[in-house]
Amino acid sequence: MNLEGVAENIEVNAVSQYLATTPLMDMRVPGLHPVTIGCRDFSGRKQRFSWHGKVPVLHDPPAYAVSSADWLTLTQKLGLARHLEDRTKG
């Protein structure tokens, strides 16, 4: 890997860990504390996933981060896939 690639990886890791830019799901089950789940996948320097339309923004990082594959599975199983934007799809 060249130095530019290393620098970009460091930048992406820093952004994904310290800024709340990930799309989240706020999971609520009666009798339990709410849990936020997000996906910190970047396409280049931009967040890979986002939600269509106006969605409330939380400025806290998610309690749990999942892989892109798990994020896609969750959105499909919960009927939210149609609201999801994926920057890797043309």
N, C-alpha and C. Protein backbone atom coordinates (compact mmCIF):
# COMPACT_ATOMS: atom_id res chain seq x y z
N MET A 1 0.85 -1.17 0.00
CA MET A 1 0.00 0.00 0.00
C MET A 1 0.90 1.23 0.00
N ASN A 2 0.59 2.23 -0.82
CA ASN A 2 1.41 3.44 -0.87
C ASN A 2 1.06 4.39 0.27
N LEU A 3 1.87 5.44 0.45
CA LEU A 3 1.66 6.37 1.57
C LEU A 3 0.32 7.10 1.47
N GLU A 4 -0.11 7.40 0.26
CA GLU A 4 -1.41 8.07 0.10
C GLU A 4 -2.54 7.17 0.59
N GLY A 5 -2.46 5.88 0.26
CA GLY A 5 -3.47 4.92 0.72
C GLY A 5 -3.47 4.78 2.23
N VAL A 6 -2.29 4.79 2.83
CA VAL A 6 -2.18 4.70 4.29
C VAL A 6 -2.79 5.94 4.92
N ALA A 7 -2.48 7.11 4.38
CA ALA A 7 -3.03 8.36 4.91
C ALA A 7 -4.55 8.38 4.81
N GLU A 8 -5.09 7.91 3.68
CA GLU A 8 -6.54 7.88 3.52
C GLU A 8 -7.18 6.92 4.51
N ASN A 9 -6.57 5.75 4.73
CA ASN A 9 -7.10 4.80 5.72
C ASN A 9 -7.11 5.40 7.11
N ILE A 10 -6.06 6.11 7.48
CA ILE A 10 -6.00 6.75 8.80
C ILE A 10 -7.10 7.80 8.91
N GLU A 11 -7.28 8.58 7.85
CA GLU A 11 -8.31 9.62 7.85
C GLU A 11 -9.70 9.01 7.98
N VAL A 12 -9.98 7.98 7.20
CA VAL A 12 -11.29 7.33 7.26
C VAL A 12 -11.53 6.73 8.63
N ASN A 13 -10.53 6.07 9.20
CA ASN A 13 -10.68 5.49 10.54
C ASN A 13 -10.96 6.56 11.57
N ALA A 14 -10.26 7.68 11.50
CA ALA A 14 -10.47 8.77 12.46
C ALA A 14 -11.87 9.34 12.33
N VAL A 15 -12.29 9.59 11.11
CA VAL A 15 -13.63 10.15 10.89
C VAL A 15 -14.69 9.18 11.37
N SER A 16 -14.54 7.90 11.03
CA SER A 16 -15.58 6.94 11.38
C SER A 16 -15.66 6.67 12.87
N GLN A 17 -14.57 6.87 13.60
CA GLN A 17 -14.59 6.61 15.03
C GLN A 17 -15.02 7.81 15.85
N TYR A 18 -14.72 9.02 15.39
CA TYR A 18 -14.91 10.18 16.23
C TYR A 18 -16.03 11.12 15.81
N LEU A 19 -16.59 10.94 14.66
CA LEU A 19 -17.70 11.77 14.24
C LEU A 19 -18.94 10.92 14.09
N ALA A 20 -20.07 11.45 14.48
CA ALA A 20 -21.33 10.71 14.37
C ALA A 20 -21.93 10.99 13.00
N THR A 21 -21.35 10.40 11.97
CA THR A 21 -21.86 10.61 10.62
C THR A 21 -22.51 9.35 10.08
N THR A 22 -22.62 8.35 10.88
CA THR A 22 -23.17 7.09 10.40
C THR A 22 -24.69 7.10 10.44
N PRO A 23 -25.33 6.45 9.46
CA PRO A 23 -26.78 6.29 9.55
C PRO A 23 -27.06 5.32 10.70
N LEU A 24 -28.08 5.60 11.45
CA LEU A 24 -28.39 4.79 12.63
C LEU A 24 -29.78 4.20 12.55
N MET A 25 -29.95 3.12 13.29
CA MET A 25 -31.27 2.57 13.59
C MET A 25 -31.40 2.65 15.10
N ASP A 26 -32.47 3.22 15.56
CA ASP A 26 -32.74 3.32 16.99
C ASP A 26 -33.71 2.20 17.33
N MET A 27 -33.19 1.12 17.89
CA MET A 27 -34.00 -0.05 18.19
C MET A 27 -34.62 0.07 19.59
N ARG A 28 -35.92 -0.07 19.66
CA ARG A 28 -36.63 0.05 20.94
C ARG A 28 -37.51 -1.18 21.15
N VAL A 29 -37.32 -1.79 22.31
CA VAL A 29 -38.12 -2.95 22.71
C VAL A 29 -38.73 -2.60 24.06
N PRO A 30 -40.06 -2.77 24.22
CA PRO A 30 -40.68 -2.44 25.50
C PRO A 30 -39.96 -3.13 26.66
N GLY A 31 -39.69 -2.36 27.71
CA GLY A 31 -39.05 -2.88 28.91
C GLY A 31 -37.54 -2.87 28.86
N LEU A 32 -36.94 -2.52 27.71
CA LEU A 32 -35.48 -2.49 27.59
C LEU A 32 -35.02 -1.09 27.17
N HIS A 33 -33.76 -0.78 27.44
CA HIS A 33 -33.20 0.50 27.01
C HIS A 33 -33.04 0.50 25.50
N PRO A 34 -33.27 1.67 24.85
CA PRO A 34 -33.06 1.75 23.40
C PRO A 34 -31.60 1.48 23.05
N VAL A 35 -31.38 0.90 21.88
CA VAL A 35 -30.04 0.60 21.39
C VAL A 35 -29.91 1.20 20.00
N THR A 36 -28.79 1.87 19.75
CA THR A 36 -28.53 2.39 18.41
C THR A 36 -27.53 1.49 17.70
N ILE A 37 -27.83 1.23 16.42
CA ILE A 37 -26.97 0.39 15.58
C ILE A 37 -26.63 1.22 14.35
N GLY A 38 -25.37 1.17 13.94
CA GLY A 38 -24.94 1.91 12.76
C GLY A 38 -23.93 1.12 11.95
N CYS A 39 -23.62 1.67 10.79
CA CYS A 39 -22.61 1.07 9.90
C CYS A 39 -21.62 2.15 9.52
N ARG A 40 -20.35 1.92 9.81
CA ARG A 40 -19.31 2.92 9.54
C ARG A 40 -18.53 2.62 8.27
N ASP A 41 -19.23 2.29 7.20
CA ASP A 41 -18.58 1.98 5.94
C ASP A 41 -18.48 3.24 5.10
N PHE A 42 -17.29 3.49 4.59
CA PHE A 42 -17.08 4.66 3.74
C PHE A 42 -16.79 4.23 2.32
N SER A 43 -17.28 5.00 1.38
CA SER A 43 -16.97 4.83 -0.04
C SER A 43 -16.05 5.99 -0.39
N GLY A 44 -14.75 5.72 -0.37
CA GLY A 44 -13.79 6.82 -0.47
C GLY A 44 -13.82 7.59 0.82
N ARG A 45 -14.04 8.88 0.74
CA ARG A 45 -14.10 9.72 1.95
C ARG A 45 -15.52 10.05 2.36
N LYS A 46 -16.49 9.46 1.68
CA LYS A 46 -17.89 9.73 2.00
C LYS A 46 -18.52 8.50 2.62
N GLN A 47 -19.45 8.75 3.51
CA GLN A 47 -20.21 7.68 4.14
C GLN A 47 -20.93 6.88 3.07
N ARG A 48 -20.82 5.57 3.10
CA ARG A 48 -21.44 4.73 2.07
C ARG A 48 -22.96 4.78 2.13
N PHE A 49 -23.53 4.67 3.33
CA PHE A 49 -24.99 4.60 3.47
C PHE A 49 -25.55 5.89 4.06
N SER A 50 -26.77 6.21 3.66
CA SER A 50 -27.53 7.30 4.27
C SER A 50 -29.01 6.98 4.08
N TRP A 51 -29.85 7.76 4.75
CA TRP A 51 -31.30 7.56 4.63
C TRP A 51 -31.87 8.58 3.66
N HIS A 52 -32.89 8.19 2.88
CA HIS A 52 -33.61 9.11 2.00
C HIS A 52 -34.42 10.08 2.85
N GLY A 53 -34.59 11.27 2.35
CA GLY A 53 -35.49 12.24 2.97
C GLY A 53 -34.96 12.84 4.26
N LYS A 54 -35.88 13.45 4.98
CA LYS A 54 -35.52 14.11 6.24
C LYS A 54 -35.61 13.10 7.38
N VAL A 55 -34.47 12.83 7.99
CA VAL A 55 -34.38 11.89 9.09
C VAL A 55 -33.74 12.60 10.26
N PRO A 56 -34.28 12.46 11.47
CA PRO A 56 -33.65 13.11 12.63
C PRO A 56 -32.19 12.68 12.75
N VAL A 57 -31.34 13.62 13.12
CA VAL A 57 -29.91 13.35 13.26
C VAL A 57 -29.55 13.28 14.74
N LEU A 58 -28.89 12.20 15.12
CA LEU A 58 -28.35 12.06 16.47
C LEU A 58 -26.86 12.38 16.39
N HIS A 59 -26.35 13.08 17.37
CA HIS A 59 -24.94 13.47 17.35
C HIS A 59 -24.09 12.59 18.25
N ASP A 60 -24.56 11.41 18.54
CA ASP A 60 -23.80 10.44 19.33
C ASP A 60 -23.45 9.26 18.45
N PRO A 61 -22.27 8.67 18.65
CA PRO A 61 -21.96 7.48 17.87
C PRO A 61 -22.88 6.33 18.27
N PRO A 62 -23.07 5.36 17.38
CA PRO A 62 -23.95 4.24 17.71
C PRO A 62 -23.35 3.37 18.81
N ALA A 63 -24.21 2.74 19.58
CA ALA A 63 -23.75 1.82 20.62
C ALA A 63 -23.10 0.59 19.98
N TYR A 64 -23.61 0.18 18.82
CA TYR A 64 -23.09 -0.99 18.12
C TYR A 64 -22.89 -0.64 16.65
N ALA A 65 -21.76 -1.06 16.10
CA ALA A 65 -21.48 -0.89 14.68
C ALA A 65 -21.45 -2.27 14.03
N VAL A 66 -22.07 -2.36 12.86
CA VAL A 66 -22.13 -3.64 12.15
C VAL A 66 -21.47 -3.47 10.77
N SER A 67 -21.15 -4.59 10.15
CA SER A 67 -20.55 -4.58 8.81
C SER A 67 -21.59 -4.14 7.78
N SER A 68 -21.11 -3.82 6.59
CA SER A 68 -22.02 -3.44 5.50
C SER A 68 -23.02 -4.55 5.19
N ALA A 69 -22.52 -5.79 5.16
CA ALA A 69 -23.42 -6.92 4.87
C ALA A 69 -24.50 -7.05 5.94
N ASP A 70 -24.12 -6.90 7.20
CA ASP A 70 -25.10 -6.99 8.29
C ASP A 70 -26.07 -5.81 8.24
N TRP A 71 -25.57 -4.63 7.88
CA TRP A 71 -26.42 -3.44 7.78
C TRP A 71 -27.48 -3.65 6.69
N LEU A 72 -27.05 -4.16 5.55
CA LEU A 72 -28.00 -4.43 4.46
C LEU A 72 -29.02 -5.48 4.86
N THR A 73 -28.58 -6.52 5.56
CA THR A 73 -29.50 -7.55 6.03
C THR A 73 -30.51 -6.97 7.02
N LEU A 74 -30.04 -6.17 7.97
CA LEU A 74 -30.94 -5.55 8.95
C LEU A 74 -31.99 -4.68 8.27
N THR A 75 -31.55 -3.83 7.35
CA THR A 75 -32.50 -2.93 6.69
C THR A 75 -33.52 -3.72 5.87
N GLN A 76 -33.08 -4.82 5.24
CA GLN A 76 -34.02 -5.65 4.48
C GLN A 76 -35.00 -6.36 5.40
N LYS A 77 -34.51 -6.98 6.45
CA LYS A 77 -35.37 -7.74 7.37
C LYS A 77 -36.38 -6.84 8.08
N LEU A 78 -35.99 -5.58 8.33
CA LEU A 78 -36.88 -4.66 9.03
C LEU A 78 -37.74 -3.82 8.08
N GLY A 79 -37.64 -4.09 6.78
CA GLY A 79 -38.45 -3.37 5.81
C GLY A 79 -37.99 -1.94 5.57
N LEU A 80 -36.73 -1.64 5.81
CA LEU A 80 -36.22 -0.28 5.66
C LEU A 80 -35.33 -0.09 4.43
N ALA A 81 -35.09 -1.14 3.68
CA ALA A 81 -34.16 -1.08 2.55
C ALA A 81 -34.57 -0.03 1.52
N ARG A 82 -35.86 0.18 1.32
CA ARG A 82 -36.31 1.15 0.32
C ARG A 82 -35.99 2.58 0.74
N HIS A 83 -35.70 2.81 2.02
CA HIS A 83 -35.36 4.14 2.52
C HIS A 83 -33.86 4.38 2.56
N LEU A 84 -33.08 3.38 2.18
CA LEU A 84 -31.64 3.43 2.31
C LEU A 84 -30.98 3.86 0.99
N GLU A 85 -30.03 4.79 1.07
CA GLU A 85 -29.21 5.16 -0.07
C GLU A 85 -27.86 4.49 0.09
N ASP A 86 -27.37 3.90 -0.99
CA ASP A 86 -26.08 3.21 -0.99
C ASP A 86 -25.23 3.86 -2.09
N ARG A 87 -24.17 4.55 -1.69
CA ARG A 87 -23.32 5.28 -2.66
C ARG A 87 -22.59 4.36 -3.62
N THR A 88 -22.51 3.08 -3.35
CA THR A 88 -21.81 2.17 -4.26
C THR A 88 -22.70 1.71 -5.39
N LYS A 89 -23.99 1.99 -5.30
CA LYS A 89 -24.94 1.61 -6.35
C LYS A 89 -25.15 2.83 -7.26
N GLY A 90 -25.08 2.60 -8.56
CA GLY A 90 -25.22 3.71 -9.52
C GLY A 90 -26.59 4.07 -9.74
